[in-house]
Amino acid sequence: MTKRGLSHPEHLRMGQVLSGVRDQLLHERVALLNAYPRTGPRAFPAEQLEVAIEALDAARRALENAVFEEHPALAETSDYFPD
């Protein structure tokens, strides 16, 4: 059985949620960078948030490709990467 993928409105909601999560992770990473050294063991949490942000961005890029494949007439780059 082939799975249907997401509807365009579902992609839009997913894009909004993931964009908000990314913004929050970035905000928290900056707070950690301002509170702890940028090197050594105490820098580990901020480094891991950067890894998480990069993974989230990779997922957003893959989902952007999916929305353009599934809904070419409706898809826009702002679906997953709003201004």
N, C-alpha and C. Protein backbone atom coordinates (compact mmCIF):
# COMPACT_ATOMS: atom_id res chain seq x y z
N MET A 1 0.84 -1.19 0.00
CA MET A 1 0.00 0.00 0.00
C MET A 1 0.88 1.25 0.00
N THR A 2 0.61 2.14 -0.91
CA THR A 2 1.35 3.39 -0.99
C THR A 2 0.72 4.41 -0.06
N LYS A 3 1.55 5.07 0.70
CA LYS A 3 1.05 6.11 1.60
C LYS A 3 0.84 7.38 0.79
N ARG A 4 -0.14 8.17 1.18
CA ARG A 4 -0.57 9.32 0.40
C ARG A 4 0.30 10.56 0.58
N GLY A 5 1.09 10.62 1.64
CA GLY A 5 1.83 11.85 1.93
C GLY A 5 0.92 12.83 2.66
N LEU A 6 1.37 14.06 2.75
CA LEU A 6 0.60 15.10 3.44
C LEU A 6 -0.19 15.92 2.43
N SER A 7 -1.35 16.40 2.87
CA SER A 7 -2.08 17.37 2.05
C SER A 7 -1.32 18.69 2.09
N HIS A 8 -1.66 19.59 1.20
CA HIS A 8 -0.95 20.88 1.22
C HIS A 8 -1.18 21.63 2.53
N PRO A 9 -2.42 21.68 3.06
CA PRO A 9 -2.60 22.32 4.37
C PRO A 9 -1.78 21.65 5.48
N GLU A 10 -1.64 20.34 5.41
CA GLU A 10 -0.82 19.64 6.41
C GLU A 10 0.65 20.04 6.26
N HIS A 11 1.12 20.18 5.04
CA HIS A 11 2.49 20.66 4.83
C HIS A 11 2.66 22.07 5.40
N LEU A 12 1.68 22.93 5.16
CA LEU A 12 1.77 24.30 5.68
C LEU A 12 1.86 24.30 7.21
N ARG A 13 1.03 23.49 7.86
CA ARG A 13 1.06 23.42 9.32
C ARG A 13 2.40 22.87 9.79
N MET A 14 2.87 21.82 9.15
CA MET A 14 4.17 21.23 9.51
C MET A 14 5.28 22.26 9.34
N GLY A 15 5.24 23.01 8.26
CA GLY A 15 6.26 24.04 8.03
C GLY A 15 6.25 25.10 9.12
N GLN A 16 5.07 25.51 9.55
CA GLN A 16 4.96 26.51 10.61
C GLN A 16 5.51 25.97 11.92
N VAL A 17 5.14 24.75 12.24
CA VAL A 17 5.60 24.14 13.50
C VAL A 17 7.12 23.99 13.49
N LEU A 18 7.67 23.43 12.42
CA LEU A 18 9.11 23.21 12.37
C LEU A 18 9.89 24.51 12.36
N SER A 19 9.35 25.52 11.71
CA SER A 19 10.00 26.83 11.73
C SER A 19 10.03 27.41 13.15
N GLY A 20 8.92 27.25 13.87
CA GLY A 20 8.86 27.72 15.25
C GLY A 20 9.81 26.97 16.16
N VAL A 21 9.90 25.66 15.97
CA VAL A 21 10.82 24.85 16.77
C VAL A 21 12.26 25.29 16.50
N ARG A 22 12.58 25.53 15.23
CA ARG A 22 13.94 25.97 14.89
C ARG A 22 14.26 27.30 15.55
N ASP A 23 13.31 28.24 15.47
CA ASP A 23 13.53 29.55 16.09
C ASP A 23 13.77 29.42 17.59
N GLN A 24 13.00 28.55 18.24
CA GLN A 24 13.17 28.35 19.68
C GLN A 24 14.50 27.72 20.02
N LEU A 25 14.91 26.70 19.24
CA LEU A 25 16.22 26.08 19.46
C LEU A 25 17.35 27.09 19.28
N LEU A 26 17.23 27.91 18.26
CA LEU A 26 18.25 28.93 18.02
C LEU A 26 18.31 29.93 19.17
N HIS A 27 17.15 30.33 19.66
CA HIS A 27 17.09 31.26 20.80
C HIS A 27 17.78 30.65 22.02
N GLU A 28 17.48 29.39 22.29
CA GLU A 28 18.08 28.73 23.46
C GLU A 28 19.58 28.53 23.27
N ARG A 29 20.01 28.24 22.05
CA ARG A 29 21.45 28.08 21.78
C ARG A 29 22.19 29.39 22.04
N VAL A 30 21.62 30.50 21.60
CA VAL A 30 22.25 31.81 21.84
C VAL A 30 22.32 32.07 23.34
N ALA A 31 21.28 31.72 24.08
CA ALA A 31 21.30 31.91 25.53
C ALA A 31 22.43 31.10 26.16
N LEU A 32 22.62 29.87 25.69
CA LEU A 32 23.70 29.04 26.22
C LEU A 32 25.07 29.61 25.84
N LEU A 33 25.20 30.08 24.62
CA LEU A 33 26.48 30.67 24.19
C LEU A 33 26.83 31.91 25.00
N ASN A 34 25.81 32.63 25.43
CA ASN A 34 26.04 33.82 26.25
C ASN A 34 26.33 33.48 27.71
N ALA A 35 25.93 32.28 28.15
CA ALA A 35 26.06 31.91 29.55
C ALA A 35 27.26 31.01 29.85
N TYR A 36 27.74 30.28 28.84
CA TYR A 36 28.80 29.30 29.07
C TYR A 36 29.94 29.49 28.07
N PRO A 37 31.10 28.93 28.38
CA PRO A 37 32.22 29.00 27.43
C PRO A 37 31.84 28.35 26.10
N ARG A 38 32.52 28.77 25.04
CA ARG A 38 32.25 28.23 23.71
C ARG A 38 33.10 27.02 23.38
N THR A 39 33.98 26.67 24.27
CA THR A 39 34.81 25.48 24.09
C THR A 39 34.81 24.69 25.39
N GLY A 40 35.21 23.43 25.28
CA GLY A 40 35.29 22.59 26.46
C GLY A 40 33.98 21.91 26.77
N PRO A 41 33.94 21.16 27.86
CA PRO A 41 32.76 20.36 28.21
C PRO A 41 31.50 21.19 28.42
N ARG A 42 31.65 22.40 28.91
CA ARG A 42 30.46 23.22 29.18
C ARG A 42 29.85 23.78 27.91
N ALA A 43 30.57 23.66 26.79
CA ALA A 43 30.03 24.11 25.50
C ALA A 43 29.18 23.03 24.83
N PHE A 44 29.23 21.81 25.35
CA PHE A 44 28.56 20.68 24.73
C PHE A 44 27.06 20.91 24.47
N PRO A 45 26.29 21.42 25.43
CA PRO A 45 24.86 21.61 25.15
C PRO A 45 24.60 22.54 23.96
N ALA A 46 25.32 23.64 23.86
CA ALA A 46 25.13 24.56 22.74
C ALA A 46 25.53 23.89 21.42
N GLU A 47 26.59 23.10 21.46
CA GLU A 47 27.03 22.38 20.26
C GLU A 47 25.95 21.39 19.82
N GLN A 48 25.34 20.71 20.77
CA GLN A 48 24.30 19.73 20.44
C GLN A 48 23.04 20.42 19.91
N LEU A 49 22.74 21.60 20.40
CA LEU A 49 21.61 22.34 19.83
C LEU A 49 21.90 22.72 18.39
N GLU A 50 23.15 23.05 18.08
CA GLU A 50 23.52 23.35 16.69
C GLU A 50 23.32 22.11 15.82
N VAL A 51 23.69 20.94 16.32
CA VAL A 51 23.47 19.68 15.60
C VAL A 51 21.97 19.48 15.37
N ALA A 52 21.18 19.74 16.38
CA ALA A 52 19.72 19.57 16.26
C ALA A 52 19.14 20.54 15.23
N ILE A 53 19.62 21.78 15.22
CA ILE A 53 19.15 22.77 14.25
C ILE A 53 19.50 22.32 12.83
N GLU A 54 20.71 21.82 12.65
CA GLU A 54 21.12 21.34 11.32
C GLU A 54 20.27 20.15 10.88
N ALA A 55 19.96 19.24 11.79
CA ALA A 55 19.11 18.09 11.47
C ALA A 55 17.69 18.55 11.13
N LEU A 56 17.19 19.50 11.87
CA LEU A 56 15.86 20.03 11.61
C LEU A 56 15.81 20.70 10.24
N ASP A 57 16.84 21.46 9.91
CA ASP A 57 16.90 22.10 8.59
C ASP A 57 16.96 21.07 7.47
N ALA A 58 17.67 19.97 7.68
CA ALA A 58 17.73 18.90 6.68
C ALA A 58 16.34 18.29 6.47
N ALA A 59 15.62 18.09 7.56
CA ALA A 59 14.26 17.55 7.46
C ALA A 59 13.35 18.54 6.73
N ARG A 60 13.49 19.82 7.01
CA ARG A 60 12.68 20.84 6.34
C ARG A 60 12.97 20.87 4.84
N ARG A 61 14.24 20.72 4.46
CA ARG A 61 14.58 20.70 3.04
C ARG A 61 13.96 19.47 2.35
N ALA A 62 14.01 18.33 3.01
CA ALA A 62 13.41 17.12 2.44
C ALA A 62 11.89 17.27 2.31
N LEU A 63 11.27 17.87 3.30
CA LEU A 63 9.82 18.09 3.24
C LEU A 63 9.46 19.13 2.18
N GLU A 64 10.33 20.11 2.00
CA GLU A 64 10.11 21.09 0.93
C GLU A 64 10.13 20.39 -0.43
N ASN A 65 11.08 19.47 -0.62
CA ASN A 65 11.10 18.70 -1.86
C ASN A 65 9.81 17.89 -2.01
N ALA A 66 9.34 17.31 -0.91
CA ALA A 66 8.12 16.50 -0.95
C ALA A 66 6.91 17.34 -1.33
N VAL A 67 6.78 18.52 -0.75
CA VAL A 67 5.60 19.33 -1.06
C VAL A 67 5.61 19.76 -2.52
N PHE A 68 6.78 20.02 -3.09
CA PHE A 68 6.84 20.38 -4.50
C PHE A 68 6.52 19.18 -5.40
N GLU A 69 6.88 17.99 -4.97
CA GLU A 69 6.53 16.79 -5.74
C GLU A 69 5.04 16.46 -5.63
N GLU A 70 4.49 16.61 -4.44
CA GLU A 70 3.10 16.21 -4.18
C GLU A 70 2.08 17.26 -4.61
N HIS A 71 2.45 18.53 -4.53
CA HIS A 71 1.50 19.62 -4.80
C HIS A 71 2.19 20.73 -5.62
N PRO A 72 2.64 20.41 -6.84
CA PRO A 72 3.43 21.38 -7.60
C PRO A 72 2.69 22.68 -7.91
N ALA A 73 1.39 22.63 -8.03
CA ALA A 73 0.64 23.85 -8.36
C ALA A 73 0.46 24.76 -7.15
N LEU A 74 0.60 24.22 -5.94
CA LEU A 74 0.35 24.99 -4.72
C LEU A 74 1.61 25.31 -3.93
N ALA A 75 2.64 24.51 -4.09
CA ALA A 75 3.83 24.62 -3.24
C ALA A 75 4.59 25.92 -3.47
N GLU A 76 5.15 26.42 -2.38
CA GLU A 76 6.01 27.61 -2.41
C GLU A 76 7.17 27.36 -1.45
N THR A 77 8.28 28.00 -1.70
CA THR A 77 9.42 27.82 -0.80
C THR A 77 9.10 28.28 0.62
N SER A 78 8.17 29.22 0.75
CA SER A 78 7.80 29.72 2.08
C SER A 78 6.98 28.70 2.86
N ASP A 79 6.57 27.59 2.25
CA ASP A 79 5.83 26.56 3.00
C ASP A 79 6.68 26.02 4.16
N TYR A 80 7.96 25.84 3.92
CA TYR A 80 8.85 25.33 4.96
C TYR A 80 9.89 26.33 5.42
N PHE A 81 10.09 27.39 4.66
CA PHE A 81 11.08 28.41 5.03
C PHE A 81 10.45 29.79 4.92
N PRO A 82 9.54 30.10 5.87
CA PRO A 82 8.86 31.41 5.82
C PRO A 82 9.85 32.55 6.08
N ASP A 83 9.48 33.70 5.61
CA ASP A 83 10.33 34.89 5.79
C ASP A 83 10.54 35.21 7.24
